[in-house]
Amino acid sequence: MRVGSYFRTDFDEPSVAASLPLNLTSGASPSILILDQMIRGTGIVSRATGEFGAVAIKVNGTGGPVRVTVSIGLDEMATRWWSDRVRPSRLAPELPRLVLVRVQGRIRGAVVLARRQGWRSAAPATATLGFDLAAGELAEDGMLIVELAEARHPEWAAARLSPRSAIGLRLNSVVVREADQPEPVSGPPGHSGCDFAVVQPGGALGYRLESAGVAAAPPLPVSPGNRWTRQKPARAVFKLTRAARRVAVRALPQRPGELSGVLATDLVTGEPVPVEVSRGADGVATLRFAEPAPNPVLLGSAQAQPTLSWRLKPVPAPASAPVG
């Protein structure tokens, strides 16, 4: 009898290694071996219940390099889970979430997610991160360990980002395929929904920073906390109040204003990163770094601009002049 086999019960189902290419979109897959501070989903892989969450997936790899794509989501349930555990002020608005993506014990990148208020409800936010694993990191019949982890917030952004950001976040999907050629780390291509953005490890030296006005962040949903407020009449009043607050938030004028400046911080070391900011004739800012970032770098406006949404677009490096 193998060591540990006596811990099994008649209700345990044998694990099945997933073959490549892998497109994992449900927590019901038998290839999921371990969940740490995560609960399984049916339409999603899992949802984080603590300050971090990890999923271990049994994969029948080839031992060669693979490309991994992780999709993370922030929805109404994620926000309610967060507010029920952190218990912030009932009048506080939602703040952006910043989380690190760690795979096989190494930080591969980071994402920022922010929801915006519509007329009836707040829209969900989704971020996708793609990166390579080198040969040998995913062995044959090995395990792929994907973790959403709390990022250390720089001092200048601590009051503008949600603490314990991983709580409630969805792990929507994990896609793994064999990689023929190495590719750079790819982050979300669209607007971030807030005045923050992330430069992924090994990114370009130059970026165009495009800004757009957005609605204000929605008010936090807070579940009733005692037996009186849990009763049906009180809950109906809370629902009407929350709906009125949402309409009022959506109707607020959007005055993002001009870009107030850009700050940058390495999310692993916590050290500031020098960045040169220039403006073109079209008014769009261009960011220049002295060297490629070895770790994810958080960019944020020097002053809070809560109705501004950022988007980074890499700028091709200028061609070198011919010799002679």
Protein backbone atom coordinates (compact mmCIF):
# COMPACT_ATOMS: atom_id res chain seq x y z
CA MET A 1 0.00 0.00 0.00
CA ARG A 2 1.40 3.41 -1.01
CA VAL A 3 2.16 5.96 1.68
CA GLY A 4 -0.87 8.19 2.16
CA SER A 5 -3.33 5.84 0.43
CA TYR A 6 -4.97 5.10 3.77
CA PHE A 7 -6.16 8.73 3.90
CA ARG A 8 -8.50 8.04 0.99
CA THR A 9 -12.24 7.48 1.41
CA ASP A 10 -14.86 5.89 -0.79
CA PHE A 11 -15.99 9.37 -1.79
CA ASP A 12 -12.61 10.41 -3.23
CA GLU A 13 -12.36 10.43 -7.00
CA PRO A 14 -9.05 9.66 -8.69
CA SER A 15 -7.29 12.64 -10.24
CA VAL A 16 -6.81 12.74 -14.00
CA ALA A 17 -3.88 14.59 -15.56
CA ALA A 18 -5.03 17.11 -18.17
CA SER A 19 -3.36 16.91 -21.55
CA LEU A 20 -2.08 19.84 -23.60
CA PRO A 21 -3.53 22.08 -24.84
CA LEU A 22 -5.44 22.72 -21.60
CA ASN A 23 -8.44 25.05 -21.39
CA LEU A 24 -9.61 24.90 -17.77
CA THR A 25 -12.85 26.85 -17.19
CA SER A 26 -14.58 24.93 -14.38
CA GLY A 27 -13.71 23.87 -10.87
CA ALA A 28 -15.40 20.53 -11.48
CA SER A 29 -12.41 19.28 -13.50
CA PRO A 30 -10.77 16.14 -12.03
CA SER A 31 -7.35 17.58 -12.92
CA ILE A 32 -7.59 20.03 -9.97
CA LEU A 33 -5.66 18.44 -7.09
CA ILE A 34 -5.40 21.12 -4.39
CA LEU A 35 -7.19 24.35 -3.54
CA ASP A 36 -5.74 26.65 -0.88
CA GLN A 37 -8.09 29.45 0.27
CA MET A 38 -10.12 28.88 -2.89
CA ILE A 39 -13.55 27.39 -3.51
CA ARG A 40 -14.49 25.64 -6.73
CA GLY A 41 -16.96 27.10 -9.20
CA THR A 42 -18.93 25.66 -12.08
CA GLY A 43 -18.79 28.50 -14.60
CA ILE A 44 -15.38 29.55 -13.23
CA VAL A 45 -12.37 27.66 -11.90
CA SER A 46 -12.47 29.07 -8.36
CA ARG A 47 -12.92 32.10 -6.14
CA ALA A 48 -10.44 33.34 -3.52
CA THR A 49 -11.66 33.28 0.08
CA GLY A 50 -8.61 34.85 1.75
CA GLU A 51 -5.75 37.25 1.25
CA PHE A 52 -4.34 34.84 -1.32
CA GLY A 53 -5.63 31.80 -3.17
CA ALA A 54 -3.89 28.95 -4.97
CA VAL A 55 -4.98 26.17 -7.31
CA ALA A 56 -2.82 23.12 -8.17
CA ILE A 57 -3.65 21.46 -11.50
CA LYS A 58 -2.27 18.11 -12.61
CA VAL A 59 -1.02 18.49 -16.18
CA ASN A 60 0.50 15.91 -18.48
CA GLY A 61 3.18 18.22 -19.86
CA THR A 62 5.98 17.46 -22.26
CA GLY A 63 8.78 19.04 -20.22
CA GLY A 64 9.19 21.73 -22.87
CA PRO A 65 8.27 25.43 -22.71
CA VAL A 66 4.58 26.30 -22.45
CA ARG A 67 2.46 29.44 -22.69
CA VAL A 68 0.06 30.06 -19.79
CA THR A 69 -2.86 32.49 -19.90
CA VAL A 70 -4.74 33.33 -16.70
CA SER A 71 -8.05 35.22 -16.65
CA ILE A 72 -9.12 37.00 -13.44
CA GLY A 73 -12.50 38.59 -12.75
CA LEU A 74 -13.99 41.13 -10.34
CA ASP A 75 -17.78 41.06 -10.03
CA GLU A 76 -20.54 42.06 -7.62
CA MET A 77 -20.12 38.90 -5.54
CA ALA A 78 -16.37 39.48 -5.25
CA THR A 79 -16.99 42.98 -3.92
CA ARG A 80 -19.63 41.79 -1.45
CA TRP A 81 -17.32 39.03 -0.18
CA TRP A 82 -14.59 41.60 0.32
CA SER A 83 -16.80 44.10 2.17
CA ASP A 84 -18.32 41.38 4.40
CA ARG A 85 -14.83 40.32 5.55
CA VAL A 86 -13.05 43.67 5.70
CA ARG A 87 -16.07 45.66 6.95
CA PRO A 88 -15.19 49.11 5.55
CA SER A 89 -17.31 52.22 5.99
CA ARG A 90 -20.76 51.86 4.39
CA LEU A 91 -20.23 55.17 2.59
CA ALA A 92 -16.87 54.19 1.08
CA PRO A 93 -16.70 53.68 -2.71
CA GLU A 94 -15.11 50.66 -4.32
CA LEU A 95 -11.36 50.91 -4.79
CA PRO A 96 -9.29 49.21 -7.51
CA ARG A 97 -7.85 45.75 -6.79
CA LEU A 98 -4.15 45.05 -7.34
CA VAL A 99 -2.99 41.42 -7.28
CA LEU A 100 0.14 39.51 -8.21
CA VAL A 101 -0.03 36.35 -10.31
CA ARG A 102 2.43 33.75 -9.04
CA VAL A 103 2.97 30.47 -10.92
CA GLN A 104 5.36 27.68 -9.93
CA GLY A 105 6.49 29.85 -7.02
CA ARG A 106 7.56 32.83 -9.17
CA ILE A 107 5.78 36.15 -9.73
CA ARG A 108 4.89 36.32 -13.42
CA GLY A 109 3.03 39.63 -13.48
CA ALA A 110 0.33 41.74 -11.88
CA VAL A 111 -3.08 43.09 -12.81
CA VAL A 112 -5.28 45.92 -11.62
CA LEU A 113 -9.07 45.63 -11.80
CA ALA A 114 -11.65 48.37 -11.27
CA ARG A 115 -15.42 48.31 -11.70
CA ARG A 116 -17.40 51.32 -12.88
CA GLN A 117 -20.99 52.26 -12.08
CA GLY A 118 -23.73 52.00 -14.70
CA TRP A 119 -27.28 53.28 -14.42
CA ARG A 120 -28.62 50.01 -12.97
CA SER A 121 -25.57 48.14 -11.71
CA ALA A 122 -21.79 48.18 -11.77
CA ALA A 123 -20.06 46.50 -14.68
CA PRO A 124 -17.70 43.58 -13.93
CA ALA A 125 -13.98 43.86 -14.68
CA THR A 126 -11.77 41.20 -16.24
CA ALA A 127 -8.00 41.08 -16.72
CA THR A 128 -5.96 38.50 -18.63
CA LEU A 129 -2.25 37.82 -18.16
CA GLY A 130 -0.16 35.65 -20.51
CA PHE A 131 3.40 34.46 -19.87
CA ASP A 132 5.85 31.67 -20.72
CA LEU A 133 7.15 28.86 -18.53
CA ALA A 134 10.64 27.70 -19.47
CA ALA A 135 11.49 24.11 -20.30
CA GLY A 136 11.43 21.97 -17.18
CA GLU A 137 9.09 24.22 -15.17
CA LEU A 138 6.13 22.02 -16.11
CA ALA A 139 7.35 18.45 -16.18
CA GLU A 140 5.56 15.37 -17.47
CA ASP A 141 2.70 14.41 -15.18
CA GLY A 142 3.56 17.50 -13.12
CA MET A 143 1.58 20.15 -11.28
CA LEU A 144 0.80 23.69 -12.39
CA ILE A 145 0.32 25.90 -9.31
CA VAL A 146 -1.48 29.20 -9.98
CA GLU A 147 -1.76 31.71 -7.15
CA LEU A 148 -3.41 35.11 -6.75
CA ALA A 149 -1.45 36.99 -4.10
CA GLU A 150 -1.63 40.31 -2.29
CA ALA A 151 0.73 42.96 -3.64
CA ARG A 152 2.65 45.34 -1.40
CA HIS A 153 1.11 48.76 -2.03
CA PRO A 154 3.47 51.72 -2.34
CA GLU A 155 2.92 54.46 0.21
CA TRP A 156 1.64 56.95 -2.37
CA ALA A 157 -1.08 54.51 -3.54
CA ALA A 158 -2.01 52.71 -0.30
CA ALA A 159 -5.14 54.81 0.37
CA ARG A 160 -6.28 54.50 -3.26
CA LEU A 161 -6.15 50.70 -3.57
CA SER A 162 -8.19 48.02 -1.82
CA PRO A 163 -6.35 46.29 1.03
CA ARG A 164 -6.51 42.49 0.96
CA SER A 165 -7.30 42.77 -2.73
CA ALA A 166 -7.41 39.04 -3.53
CA ILE A 167 -10.53 38.32 -1.42
CA GLY A 168 -13.46 37.34 -3.63
CA LEU A 169 -11.62 37.53 -6.96
CA ARG A 170 -12.57 34.95 -9.59
CA LEU A 171 -10.11 32.72 -11.38
CA ASN A 172 -12.09 32.55 -14.60
CA SER A 173 -9.87 30.27 -16.63
CA VAL A 174 -6.38 28.83 -17.05
CA VAL A 175 -5.17 28.05 -20.57
CA VAL A 176 -1.92 26.16 -21.23
CA ARG A 177 -0.41 25.35 -24.62
CA GLU A 178 2.97 24.37 -25.95
CA ALA A 179 5.14 27.35 -26.91
CA ASP A 180 7.08 27.18 -30.17
CA GLN A 181 8.65 30.61 -29.80
CA PRO A 182 9.16 32.70 -26.64
CA GLU A 183 6.71 35.56 -26.25
CA PRO A 184 6.80 38.58 -23.91
CA VAL A 185 4.49 38.82 -20.95
CA SER A 186 1.15 40.21 -22.11
CA GLY A 187 -1.16 42.15 -19.84
CA PRO A 188 -4.72 43.42 -20.35
CA PRO A 189 -4.80 45.42 -23.63
CA GLY A 190 -7.74 47.68 -22.78
CA HIS A 191 -8.36 50.52 -20.35
CA SER A 192 -7.76 49.70 -16.69
CA GLY A 193 -10.89 51.50 -15.47
CA CYS A 194 -8.84 53.63 -13.03
CA ASP A 195 -5.81 55.91 -12.83
CA PHE A 196 -3.47 52.93 -12.41
CA ALA A 197 -1.78 50.59 -14.87
CA VAL A 198 0.85 47.84 -14.68
CA VAL A 199 3.99 47.42 -16.79
CA GLN A 200 4.68 43.69 -16.95
CA PRO A 201 8.17 42.17 -16.46
CA GLY A 202 10.40 42.49 -19.50
CA GLY A 203 8.06 45.01 -21.10
CA ALA A 204 8.90 47.71 -23.63
CA LEU A 205 10.99 50.75 -22.80
CA GLY A 206 8.35 53.17 -24.15
CA TYR A 207 4.56 53.41 -23.80
CA ARG A 208 1.81 55.75 -24.93
CA LEU A 209 -0.40 56.54 -21.96
CA GLU A 210 -3.95 57.07 -23.21
CA SER A 211 -6.57 58.46 -20.81
CA ALA A 212 -10.35 58.40 -20.96
CA GLY A 213 -13.06 59.68 -18.66
CA VAL A 214 -15.16 57.11 -16.82
CA ALA A 215 -18.03 57.11 -14.35
CA ALA A 216 -17.19 57.17 -10.66
CA ALA A 217 -16.64 53.92 -8.78
CA PRO A 218 -19.81 52.31 -7.37
CA PRO A 219 -20.70 52.35 -3.68
CA LEU A 220 -19.72 49.25 -1.75
CA PRO A 221 -22.44 46.64 -1.22
CA VAL A 222 -22.55 45.69 2.47
CA SER A 223 -24.58 42.73 3.70
CA PRO A 224 -26.84 43.16 6.77
CA GLY A 225 -24.89 42.57 9.95
CA ASN A 226 -27.52 41.75 12.59
CA ARG A 227 -30.87 40.00 12.91
CA TRP A 228 -32.87 43.21 12.60
CA THR A 229 -31.28 44.39 9.37
CA ARG A 230 -31.52 40.87 7.91
CA GLN A 231 -35.32 40.93 8.06
CA LYS A 232 -37.25 41.37 4.84
CA PRO A 233 -38.57 44.95 5.39
CA ALA A 234 -35.12 46.27 6.31
CA ARG A 235 -33.49 44.49 3.37
CA ALA A 236 -36.01 46.06 0.99
CA VAL A 237 -35.13 49.52 2.33
CA PHE A 238 -31.40 48.79 1.89
CA LYS A 239 -31.97 47.67 -1.71
CA LEU A 240 -33.88 50.83 -2.56
CA THR A 241 -31.22 52.97 -0.88
CA ARG A 242 -28.42 51.20 -2.72
CA ALA A 243 -30.23 51.60 -6.07
CA ALA A 244 -30.67 55.32 -5.40
CA ARG A 245 -27.00 55.67 -4.49
CA ARG A 246 -25.99 53.92 -7.71
CA VAL A 247 -28.06 56.28 -9.84
CA ALA A 248 -26.67 59.26 -7.95
CA VAL A 249 -23.08 58.02 -8.42
CA ARG A 250 -23.66 57.42 -12.14
CA ALA A 251 -25.10 60.91 -12.57
CA LEU A 252 -22.06 62.61 -11.06
CA PRO A 253 -20.22 64.76 -13.64
CA GLN A 254 -16.97 63.35 -15.01
CA ARG A 255 -14.16 65.88 -14.67
CA PRO A 256 -10.96 63.86 -15.04
CA GLY A 257 -8.83 66.90 -15.85
CA GLU A 258 -5.30 66.88 -17.20
CA LEU A 259 -2.76 64.21 -16.28
CA SER A 260 -1.31 65.23 -12.91
CA GLY A 261 1.95 63.29 -13.31
CA VAL A 262 3.04 59.66 -13.18
CA LEU A 263 4.62 57.69 -10.32
CA ALA A 264 6.11 54.20 -10.74
CA THR A 265 7.04 51.55 -8.16
CA ASP A 266 8.48 48.04 -8.46
CA LEU A 267 5.87 45.72 -6.91
CA VAL A 268 8.45 43.17 -5.73
CA THR A 269 11.18 45.35 -4.23
CA GLY A 270 8.97 48.33 -3.38
CA GLU A 271 11.56 50.70 -4.86
CA PRO A 272 10.56 53.70 -7.02
CA VAL A 273 11.27 53.31 -10.74
CA PRO A 274 12.51 56.33 -12.72
CA VAL A 275 10.20 57.17 -15.62
CA GLU A 276 10.42 60.03 -18.10
CA VAL A 277 7.10 61.59 -19.11
CA SER A 278 6.71 63.69 -22.26
CA ARG A 279 3.68 65.02 -24.12
CA GLY A 280 3.15 64.87 -27.87
CA ALA A 281 1.37 67.35 -30.11
CA ASP A 282 -1.83 65.33 -29.70
CA GLY A 283 -1.67 65.75 -25.93
CA VAL A 284 -1.02 62.05 -25.30
CA ALA A 285 1.72 61.33 -22.76
CA THR A 286 4.65 59.06 -23.61
CA LEU A 287 6.51 57.17 -20.89
CA ARG A 288 10.15 56.13 -21.20
CA PHE A 289 12.07 53.73 -18.94
CA ALA A 290 15.83 53.47 -18.77
CA GLU A 291 15.79 49.65 -18.85
CA PRO A 292 13.28 46.82 -19.10
CA ALA A 293 11.50 46.10 -15.84
CA PRO A 294 12.58 42.79 -14.23
CA ASN A 295 9.42 42.81 -12.07
CA PRO A 296 5.88 44.16 -12.50
CA VAL A 297 5.79 47.95 -12.08
CA LEU A 298 2.74 49.84 -10.84
CA LEU A 299 2.05 53.16 -12.56
CA GLY A 300 -0.32 55.68 -11.03
CA SER A 301 -1.25 59.32 -11.25
CA ALA A 302 0.66 61.58 -8.88
CA GLN A 303 -2.68 62.87 -7.56
CA ALA A 304 -5.85 60.81 -7.32
CA GLN A 305 -8.05 61.15 -10.42
CA PRO A 306 -10.89 58.68 -9.73
CA THR A 307 -12.79 59.36 -12.96
CA LEU A 308 -9.81 58.69 -15.21
CA SER A 309 -9.06 55.38 -16.93
CA TRP A 310 -5.59 54.53 -18.26
CA ARG A 311 -4.42 52.42 -21.17
CA LEU A 312 -0.82 51.55 -22.04
CA LYS A 313 0.27 50.94 -25.64
CA PRO A 314 3.88 49.88 -26.28
CA VAL A 315 5.93 52.21 -28.46
CA PRO A 316 8.35 50.44 -30.86
CA ALA A 317 11.98 51.15 -30.16
CA PRO A 318 13.56 53.55 -32.69
CA ALA A 319 15.61 51.86 -35.37
CA SER A 320 19.36 52.19 -34.93
CA ALA A 321 21.27 54.21 -37.48
CA PRO A 322 23.32 52.23 -40.03
CA VAL A 323 27.03 52.03 -39.29
CA GLY A 324 29.21 54.14 -41.63
